[in-house]
């Protein structure tokens, strides 16, 4: 071996210098294997350098003018706004579904209360009419044995019925001698008499409940002259 050969063997390969601080590769011995440990600081630095290379001097993308860059920014803003609107729409749909469920539950509860109130009202009205049936049954039984007793029995039924109506809040209107009032009475005929607008005959009694007309009285009214 010549001296030149010895010189070449002893020479170390030249180190290629790069800009920036020299990097030191660390190794971890795992079962005798040398595995290079990743230098996270250098990786982040490389990513920043790559991003800087992609951008031009003005901070934009190379080959893209201001108008195009503005359009891209506007499109990105619209996409973000669309995403927000979609989330808001989903939230509103959820609220609407919950409101619909609450409304249906409330409607069923109210319907149940209405049905219960109607049932109680029917039972109360039937209970009020039972004495009328009892009086009518007695009047018929008495009239079978003695027809002359039928009229007093029917009059008792009539009085009982009026008491039941009074208990329900109904007031009788349209009796003979009352002043005719078109709000409560219906005149079927006008006949001469000693005074104007006086009920002289009743074909059918009327009933009212406070200020509400239940049924008008059908009457005959007098007129002077």
Protein backbone atom coordinates (compact mmCIF):
# COMPACT_ATOMS: atom_id res chain seq x y z
CA UNK A 1 0.00 0.00 0.00
CA UNK A 2 1.36 3.39 -1.02
CA UNK A 3 1.51 6.51 1.06
CA UNK A 4 -1.16 8.14 -1.08
CA UNK A 5 -3.48 5.26 -0.36
CA UNK A 6 -2.89 5.68 3.37
CA UNK A 7 -3.64 9.33 3.08
CA UNK A 8 -6.97 8.69 1.33
CA UNK A 9 -8.02 6.18 3.97
CA UNK A 10 -7.33 8.59 6.79
CA UNK A 11 -9.19 11.47 5.21
CA UNK A 12 -12.70 12.05 6.56
CA UNK A 13 -15.59 12.86 4.15
CA UNK A 14 -16.29 16.53 3.88
CA UNK A 15 -19.32 17.73 5.83
CA UNK A 16 -21.92 19.50 3.70
CA UNK A 17 -22.88 22.63 5.55
CA UNK A 18 -26.39 24.00 5.32
CA UNK A 19 -27.77 27.29 6.41
CA UNK A 20 -28.96 27.37 9.98
CA UNK A 21 -27.78 25.58 13.07
CA UNK A 22 -26.19 22.21 12.68
CA UNK A 23 -28.50 19.32 13.48
CA UNK A 24 -27.52 16.60 15.84
CA UNK A 25 -29.01 13.18 15.24
CA UNK A 26 -29.62 11.41 18.49
CA UNK A 27 -29.84 7.65 18.69
CA UNK A 28 -31.60 5.34 21.11
CA UNK A 29 -30.20 1.91 21.76
CA UNK A 30 -33.07 -0.63 21.66
CA UNK A 31 -31.77 -4.22 21.96
CA UNK A 32 -28.62 -3.28 20.22
CA UNK A 33 -30.32 -1.37 17.39
CA UNK A 34 -29.50 2.26 16.76
CA UNK A 35 -32.80 4.04 15.81
CA UNK A 36 -32.60 7.76 15.12
CA UNK A 37 -34.79 9.82 17.43
CA UNK A 38 -37.03 12.31 15.63
CA UNK A 39 -36.08 15.90 16.18
CA UNK A 40 -39.52 17.58 16.52
CA UNK A 41 -38.03 21.08 16.59
CA UNK A 42 -36.33 20.50 13.25
CA UNK A 43 -39.56 19.04 11.76
CA UNK A 44 -41.54 22.14 12.75
CA UNK A 45 -38.80 24.31 11.31
CA UNK A 46 -38.96 22.39 8.02
CA UNK A 47 -42.75 22.83 7.86
CA UNK A 48 -42.42 26.57 8.39
CA UNK A 49 -39.79 26.77 5.65
CA UNK A 50 -42.07 24.85 3.24
CA UNK A 51 -45.00 27.18 3.98
CA UNK A 52 -42.76 30.18 3.45
CA UNK A 53 -41.62 28.77 0.12
CA UNK A 54 -45.26 28.31 -1.02
CA UNK A 55 -46.10 31.95 -0.30
CA UNK A 56 -44.79 34.82 -2.36
CA UNK A 57 -43.34 38.05 -1.04
CA UNK A 58 -46.80 39.60 -0.39
CA UNK A 59 -48.02 36.64 1.64
CA UNK A 60 -50.17 35.27 -1.19
CA UNK A 61 -49.88 32.22 -3.39
CA UNK A 62 -47.52 32.47 -6.39
CA UNK A 63 -49.30 33.00 -9.67
CA UNK A 64 -52.50 34.24 -8.00
CA UNK A 65 -53.52 37.89 -8.39
CA UNK A 66 -55.34 39.94 -5.77
CA UNK A 67 -58.74 39.44 -7.43
CA UNK A 68 -58.44 35.66 -7.47
CA UNK A 69 -57.10 35.60 -3.94
CA UNK A 70 -60.06 37.73 -2.81
CA UNK A 71 -62.48 35.32 -4.51
CA UNK A 72 -60.86 32.41 -2.70
CA UNK A 73 -61.16 34.19 0.62
CA UNK A 74 -64.81 35.03 -0.12
CA UNK A 75 -65.53 31.41 -1.02
CA UNK A 76 -63.92 30.19 2.19
CA UNK A 77 -65.99 32.67 4.19
CA UNK A 78 -69.18 31.47 2.47
CA UNK A 79 -68.30 27.85 3.18
CA UNK A 80 -67.77 28.67 6.84
CA UNK A 81 -71.06 30.59 6.93
CA UNK A 82 -72.86 27.67 5.27
CA UNK A 83 -71.46 25.31 7.90
CA UNK A 84 -72.67 27.60 10.68
CA UNK A 85 -76.11 27.87 9.08
CA UNK A 86 -76.30 24.10 8.76
CA UNK A 87 -75.53 23.70 12.45
CA UNK A 88 -78.12 26.35 13.33
CA UNK A 89 -80.67 24.62 11.11
CA UNK A 90 -80.04 21.29 12.84
CA UNK A 91 -80.47 22.98 16.23
CA UNK A 92 -83.75 24.57 15.14
CA UNK A 93 -85.03 21.23 13.84
CA UNK A 94 -84.25 19.66 17.20
CA UNK A 95 -86.09 22.42 19.04
CA UNK A 96 -89.07 22.09 16.69
CA UNK A 97 -89.24 18.36 17.27
CA UNK A 98 -89.19 18.87 21.04
CA UNK A 99 -91.91 21.54 20.81
CA UNK A 100 -94.07 19.26 18.66
CA UNK A 101 -93.70 16.45 21.18
CA UNK A 102 -94.58 18.78 24.07
CA UNK A 103 -97.59 20.12 22.15
CA UNK A 104 -98.88 16.62 21.41
CA UNK A 105 -98.47 15.63 25.06
CA UNK A 106 -100.30 18.79 26.18
CA UNK A 107 -103.09 18.21 23.66
CA UNK A 108 -103.65 14.66 24.87
CA UNK A 109 -103.70 15.80 28.49
CA UNK A 110 -106.22 18.56 27.76
CA UNK A 111 -108.37 16.19 25.72
CA UNK A 112 -108.40 13.78 28.65
CA UNK A 113 -109.46 16.57 31.00
CA UNK A 114 -112.23 17.67 28.59
CA UNK A 115 -113.54 14.11 28.29
CA UNK A 116 -113.52 13.72 32.06
CA UNK A 117 -115.36 17.05 32.52
CA UNK A 118 -117.97 16.06 29.93
CA UNK A 119 -118.51 12.75 31.66
CA UNK A 120 -118.96 14.48 35.01
CA UNK A 121 -121.38 17.00 33.46
CA UNK A 122 -123.50 14.27 31.90
CA UNK A 123 -123.59 12.35 35.15
CA UNK A 124 -124.58 15.49 37.08
CA UNK A 125 -127.36 16.37 34.61
CA UNK A 126 -128.71 12.81 34.69
CA UNK A 127 -128.67 12.83 38.48
CA UNK A 128 -130.61 16.11 38.48
CA UNK A 129 -133.28 14.66 36.16
CA UNK A 130 -133.82 11.52 38.20
CA UNK A 131 -136.39 13.20 40.55
CA UNK A 132 -138.36 14.23 37.46
CA UNK A 133 -138.50 10.64 36.32
CA UNK A 134 -139.59 9.54 39.79
CA UNK A 135 -142.47 12.08 39.83
CA UNK A 136 -143.49 11.12 36.32
CA UNK A 137 -143.50 7.43 37.25
CA UNK A 138 -145.73 8.13 40.28
CA UNK A 139 -148.11 10.29 38.23
CA UNK A 140 -148.56 7.56 35.63
CA UNK A 141 -149.12 4.92 38.32
CA UNK A 142 -151.79 7.10 39.99
CA UNK A 143 -153.44 7.94 36.67
CA UNK A 144 -153.86 4.29 35.76
CA UNK A 145 -156.04 3.68 38.81
CA UNK A 146 -157.78 7.09 38.76
CA UNK A 147 -157.45 9.29 35.62
CA UNK A 148 -158.50 12.35 37.61
CA UNK A 149 -155.26 12.15 39.57
CA UNK A 150 -153.13 12.28 36.40
CA UNK A 151 -153.29 16.08 36.06
CA UNK A 152 -152.07 16.81 39.62
CA UNK A 153 -149.31 14.26 39.12
CA UNK A 154 -148.17 15.92 35.86
CA UNK A 155 -148.22 19.32 37.54
CA UNK A 156 -145.91 17.93 40.22
CA UNK A 157 -143.59 16.69 37.49
CA UNK A 158 -143.63 20.12 35.88
CA UNK A 159 -142.72 21.84 39.16
CA UNK A 160 -139.91 19.39 39.78
CA UNK A 161 -138.53 20.00 36.32
CA UNK A 162 -138.44 23.75 36.85
CA UNK A 163 -136.58 23.24 40.12
CA UNK A 164 -134.01 21.13 38.30
CA UNK A 165 -133.57 23.85 35.66
CA UNK A 166 -133.12 26.42 38.40
CA UNK A 167 -130.43 24.27 40.00
CA UNK A 168 -128.61 24.21 36.65
CA UNK A 169 -128.68 28.03 36.45
CA UNK A 170 -131.60 28.36 34.02
CA UNK A 171 -134.19 31.10 34.47
CA UNK A 172 -137.72 30.95 33.07
CA UNK A 173 -138.79 33.80 30.81
CA UNK A 174 -141.98 34.54 28.88
CA UNK A 175 -144.75 34.09 31.42
CA UNK A 176 -148.18 35.72 31.01
CA UNK A 177 -148.21 39.34 32.15
CA UNK A 178 -144.51 40.00 31.43
CA UNK A 179 -143.50 42.84 29.14
CA UNK A 180 -142.53 41.65 25.71
CA UNK A 181 -138.76 41.80 25.08
CA UNK A 182 -137.50 40.72 21.65
CA UNK A 183 -134.18 39.78 23.23
CA UNK A 184 -135.87 36.91 25.09
CA UNK A 185 -139.27 36.47 23.46
CA UNK A 186 -140.59 35.56 20.03
CA UNK A 187 -144.00 37.03 19.15
CA UNK A 188 -146.12 34.54 17.22
CA UNK A 189 -149.20 36.78 17.14
CA UNK A 190 -150.29 40.32 18.06
CA UNK A 191 -153.82 40.84 19.38
CA UNK A 192 -155.73 43.93 20.58
CA UNK A 193 -155.43 44.60 24.29
CA UNK A 194 -155.51 47.15 27.06
CA UNK A 195 -151.72 47.80 26.94
CA UNK A 196 -148.88 47.58 24.45
CA UNK A 197 -146.28 44.81 24.44
CA UNK A 198 -147.76 42.63 27.17
CA UNK A 199 -147.61 38.83 26.95
CA UNK A 200 -151.17 37.56 27.07
CA UNK A 201 -150.62 33.94 26.09
CA UNK A 202 -147.65 31.54 26.18
CA UNK A 203 -147.18 28.77 23.68
CA UNK A 204 -143.75 27.79 24.92
CA UNK A 205 -141.72 28.97 27.90
CA UNK A 206 -138.29 30.40 27.30
CA UNK A 207 -135.10 29.90 29.27
CA UNK A 208 -131.97 31.98 29.70
CA UNK A 209 -128.75 31.60 31.62
CA UNK A 210 -127.63 35.00 32.85
CA UNK A 211 -127.20 37.21 29.79
CA UNK A 212 -127.24 34.27 27.37
CA UNK A 213 -130.45 33.13 25.71
CA UNK A 214 -130.95 29.35 25.83
CA UNK A 215 -134.37 29.24 24.20
CA UNK A 216 -136.75 32.13 23.34
CA UNK A 217 -140.31 32.10 24.67
CA UNK A 218 -142.98 31.82 21.99
CA UNK A 219 -145.83 34.11 22.99
CA UNK A 220 -148.85 36.18 21.97
CA UNK A 221 -148.48 39.96 22.51
CA UNK A 222 -151.15 42.60 23.03
CA UNK A 223 -151.40 45.93 21.21
CA UNK A 224 -153.67 48.84 22.19
CA UNK A 225 -156.36 49.86 19.71
